[in-house]
Amino acid sequence: MPLTEVTVALGTSAGSMLTAALVGVVMAIITSYGIRHHQAVFAWMKITRAKDDEAKDLEEVCQYLKDLFAELCGLAQKPCRAADADRLLRLSNMIKGSIGQTEAISAELRTVVERIEVYLNTLIPEQSSRPTLAEHDALMRRAMKQEYARIELEHAIGAAQQKIRCLRRT
């Protein structure tokens, strides 16, 4: 028996085709929203991780500044010689190394390092004999310059610590 009519596939109708198309569109929309949501979550995680890393670096620098301030308090109002400033030099080198890691406070840290260098340039030289009156006056002037440099260094440390506190709040 020859078939003269073309038969359409059994079980297909306009209703089931429309339902399948609508389900496909809804699934595409849900998938696109899911992808956007995951992109937002990953971006948030990246920002949070960067802030956490920066907070760790700031914590290290904050500890260096606290140690430096404690050392300066021990050297307050007395002339300092080169032998007394070994720890200051070590802390200065540690802060210099941290400048590149903490871009948010690099300007303040550079100021601290500059003030440390000014302070170290005012160190009183070692003398083996008793100084003359003129030498004594020169040493007194140098000691006063040293105390002024120490106070300026303390101000720079305070400014850097204040900036760190402001960054932690944000």
Protein backbone atom coordinates (compact mmCIF):
# COMPACT_ATOMS: atom_id res chain seq x y z
CA MET A 1 0.00 0.00 0.00
CA PRO A 2 1.60 3.13 -1.17
CA LEU A 3 1.50 6.19 1.00
CA THR A 4 0.41 9.24 -0.85
CA GLU A 5 0.50 11.65 2.01
CA VAL A 6 3.49 12.71 3.99
CA THR A 7 2.96 11.83 7.56
CA VAL A 8 4.25 14.15 10.26
CA ALA A 9 6.10 12.65 13.18
CA LEU A 10 3.75 11.22 15.67
CA GLY A 11 3.47 12.88 19.10
CA THR A 12 4.44 16.38 18.05
CA SER A 13 2.05 19.17 18.33
CA ALA A 14 2.25 22.93 18.56
CA GLY A 15 1.64 22.88 22.34
CA SER A 16 4.53 20.60 23.20
CA MET A 17 6.90 22.48 20.87
CA LEU A 18 5.96 25.78 22.48
CA THR A 19 6.46 24.35 25.96
CA ALA A 20 9.92 23.04 25.06
CA ALA A 21 10.91 26.41 23.58
CA LEU A 22 9.69 28.29 26.67
CA VAL A 23 11.56 25.93 29.01
CA GLY A 24 14.72 26.46 26.93
CA VAL A 25 14.38 30.25 27.11
CA VAL A 26 13.74 30.19 30.87
CA MET A 27 16.76 27.93 31.42
CA ALA A 28 18.95 30.27 29.35
CA ILE A 29 17.80 33.27 31.41
CA ILE A 30 18.39 31.46 34.72
CA THR A 31 21.83 30.33 33.53
CA SER A 32 22.83 33.86 32.52
CA TYR A 33 21.71 35.22 35.92
CA GLY A 34 23.67 32.47 37.63
CA ILE A 35 26.80 33.30 35.66
CA ARG A 36 26.46 37.00 36.48
CA HIS A 37 25.96 36.19 40.15
CA HIS A 38 29.06 33.99 40.24
CA GLN A 39 31.11 36.68 38.48
CA ALA A 40 30.00 39.20 41.13
CA VAL A 41 30.86 36.76 43.93
CA PHE A 42 34.32 36.06 42.47
CA ALA A 43 34.99 39.79 42.05
CA TRP A 44 33.97 40.39 45.67
CA MET A 45 36.22 37.53 46.83
CA LYS A 46 39.15 38.98 44.87
CA ILE A 47 38.66 42.41 46.46
CA THR A 48 38.31 40.88 49.92
CA ARG A 49 41.45 38.79 49.47
CA ALA A 50 43.40 41.87 48.34
CA LYS A 51 42.19 43.80 51.39
CA ASP A 52 43.19 40.93 53.68
CA ASP A 53 46.67 40.80 52.14
CA GLU A 54 47.01 44.56 52.51
CA ALA A 55 45.86 44.33 56.13
CA LYS A 56 48.61 41.78 56.85
CA ASP A 57 51.22 44.08 55.32
CA LEU A 58 49.86 47.03 57.29
CA GLU A 59 50.01 44.98 60.49
CA GLU A 60 53.70 44.23 59.91
CA VAL A 61 54.49 47.87 59.23
CA CYS A 62 52.47 48.93 62.26
CA GLN A 63 54.56 46.61 64.43
CA TYR A 64 57.79 48.05 62.97
CA LEU A 65 56.56 51.56 63.77
CA LYS A 66 55.64 50.54 67.33
CA ASP A 67 59.11 49.04 67.83
CA LEU A 68 60.72 52.16 66.40
CA PHE A 69 58.68 54.41 68.68
CA ALA A 70 59.60 52.29 71.71
CA GLU A 71 63.27 52.53 70.76
CA LEU A 72 63.02 56.30 70.39
CA CYS A 73 61.40 56.60 73.80
CA GLY A 74 64.42 54.83 75.25
CA LEU A 75 66.74 57.35 73.58
CA ALA A 76 64.75 60.42 74.63
CA GLN A 77 66.48 63.43 76.16
CA LYS A 78 69.95 61.96 76.20
CA PRO A 79 72.71 62.18 73.63
CA CYS A 80 72.89 59.11 71.45
CA ARG A 81 76.07 57.65 70.03
CA ALA A 82 76.52 55.35 67.04
CA ALA A 83 76.61 52.23 69.22
CA ASP A 84 73.18 53.10 70.62
CA ALA A 85 71.54 53.37 67.19
CA ASP A 86 72.09 49.87 65.80
CA ARG A 87 68.47 48.87 66.37
CA LEU A 88 67.25 52.09 64.73
CA LEU A 89 69.26 51.27 61.62
CA ARG A 90 67.83 47.74 61.51
CA LEU A 91 64.25 49.03 61.91
CA SER A 92 64.91 51.64 59.22
CA ASN A 93 65.97 48.91 56.79
CA MET A 94 62.86 46.86 57.63
CA ILE A 95 60.61 49.86 56.98
CA LYS A 96 62.45 50.58 53.70
CA GLY A 97 61.71 47.02 52.63
CA SER A 98 58.02 47.49 53.43
CA ILE A 99 57.59 50.63 51.34
CA GLY A 100 57.06 48.68 48.12
CA GLN A 101 54.57 46.30 49.72
CA THR A 102 52.30 48.95 51.22
CA GLU A 103 51.52 51.48 48.52
CA ALA A 104 48.73 53.06 50.56
CA ILE A 105 51.16 54.50 53.11
CA SER A 106 54.38 54.59 51.11
CA ALA A 107 54.64 58.40 51.33
CA GLU A 108 54.39 58.33 55.13
CA LEU A 109 56.94 55.51 55.36
CA ARG A 110 59.36 57.41 53.12
CA THR A 111 59.02 60.39 55.46
CA VAL A 112 59.77 58.13 58.45
CA VAL A 113 62.86 56.72 56.72
CA GLU A 114 64.06 60.24 55.81
CA ARG A 115 63.61 61.37 59.43
CA ILE A 116 65.53 58.32 60.65
CA GLU A 117 68.40 59.25 58.35
CA VAL A 118 68.34 62.83 59.66
CA TYR A 119 68.42 61.47 63.21
CA LEU A 120 71.28 59.11 62.42
CA ASN A 121 73.24 62.00 60.91
CA THR A 122 73.10 63.79 64.27
CA LEU A 123 74.71 60.96 66.25
CA ILE A 124 77.44 62.08 68.61
CA PRO A 125 80.88 60.77 67.62
CA GLU A 126 82.89 58.65 70.03
CA GLN A 127 85.60 60.54 71.87
CA SER A 128 88.50 59.09 73.79
CA SER A 129 89.59 62.23 75.63
CA ARG A 130 87.84 64.96 77.51
CA PRO A 131 86.50 67.61 75.12
CA THR A 132 87.56 71.23 75.24
CA LEU A 133 85.03 73.94 75.96
CA ALA A 134 84.50 74.69 72.25
CA GLU A 135 84.09 71.00 71.49
CA HIS A 136 81.67 70.67 74.40
CA ASP A 137 79.55 73.52 73.04
CA ALA A 138 79.55 71.90 69.58
CA LEU A 139 78.51 68.58 71.11
CA MET A 140 75.69 70.30 73.02
CA ARG A 141 74.41 71.92 69.83
CA ARG A 142 74.57 68.57 68.08
CA ALA A 143 72.70 66.92 70.97
CA MET A 144 69.96 69.57 70.71
CA LYS A 145 69.71 68.99 66.95
CA GLN A 146 69.53 65.28 67.68
CA GLU A 147 66.65 65.74 70.12
CA TYR A 148 64.81 67.92 67.59
CA ALA A 149 65.34 65.23 64.92
CA ARG A 150 64.03 62.61 67.35
CA ILE A 151 60.88 64.65 67.98
CA GLU A 152 60.34 65.14 64.24
CA LEU A 153 60.77 61.39 63.76
CA GLU A 154 58.16 60.73 66.44
CA HIS A 155 55.75 63.04 64.61
CA ALA A 156 56.35 61.17 61.34
CA ILE A 157 55.73 57.85 63.10
CA GLY A 158 52.50 59.22 64.55
CA ALA A 159 51.32 60.37 61.11
CA ALA A 160 52.04 56.94 59.61
CA GLN A 161 50.22 55.18 62.44
CA GLN A 162 47.24 57.51 62.02
CA LYS A 163 47.10 56.72 58.30
CA ILE A 164 47.16 52.98 59.10
CA ARG A 165 44.27 53.42 61.52
CA CYS A 166 42.28 55.30 58.87
CA LEU A 167 42.95 52.57 56.31
CA ARG A 168 41.81 49.87 58.72
CA ARG A 169 38.47 51.62 59.22
CA THR A 170 37.69 51.53 55.52
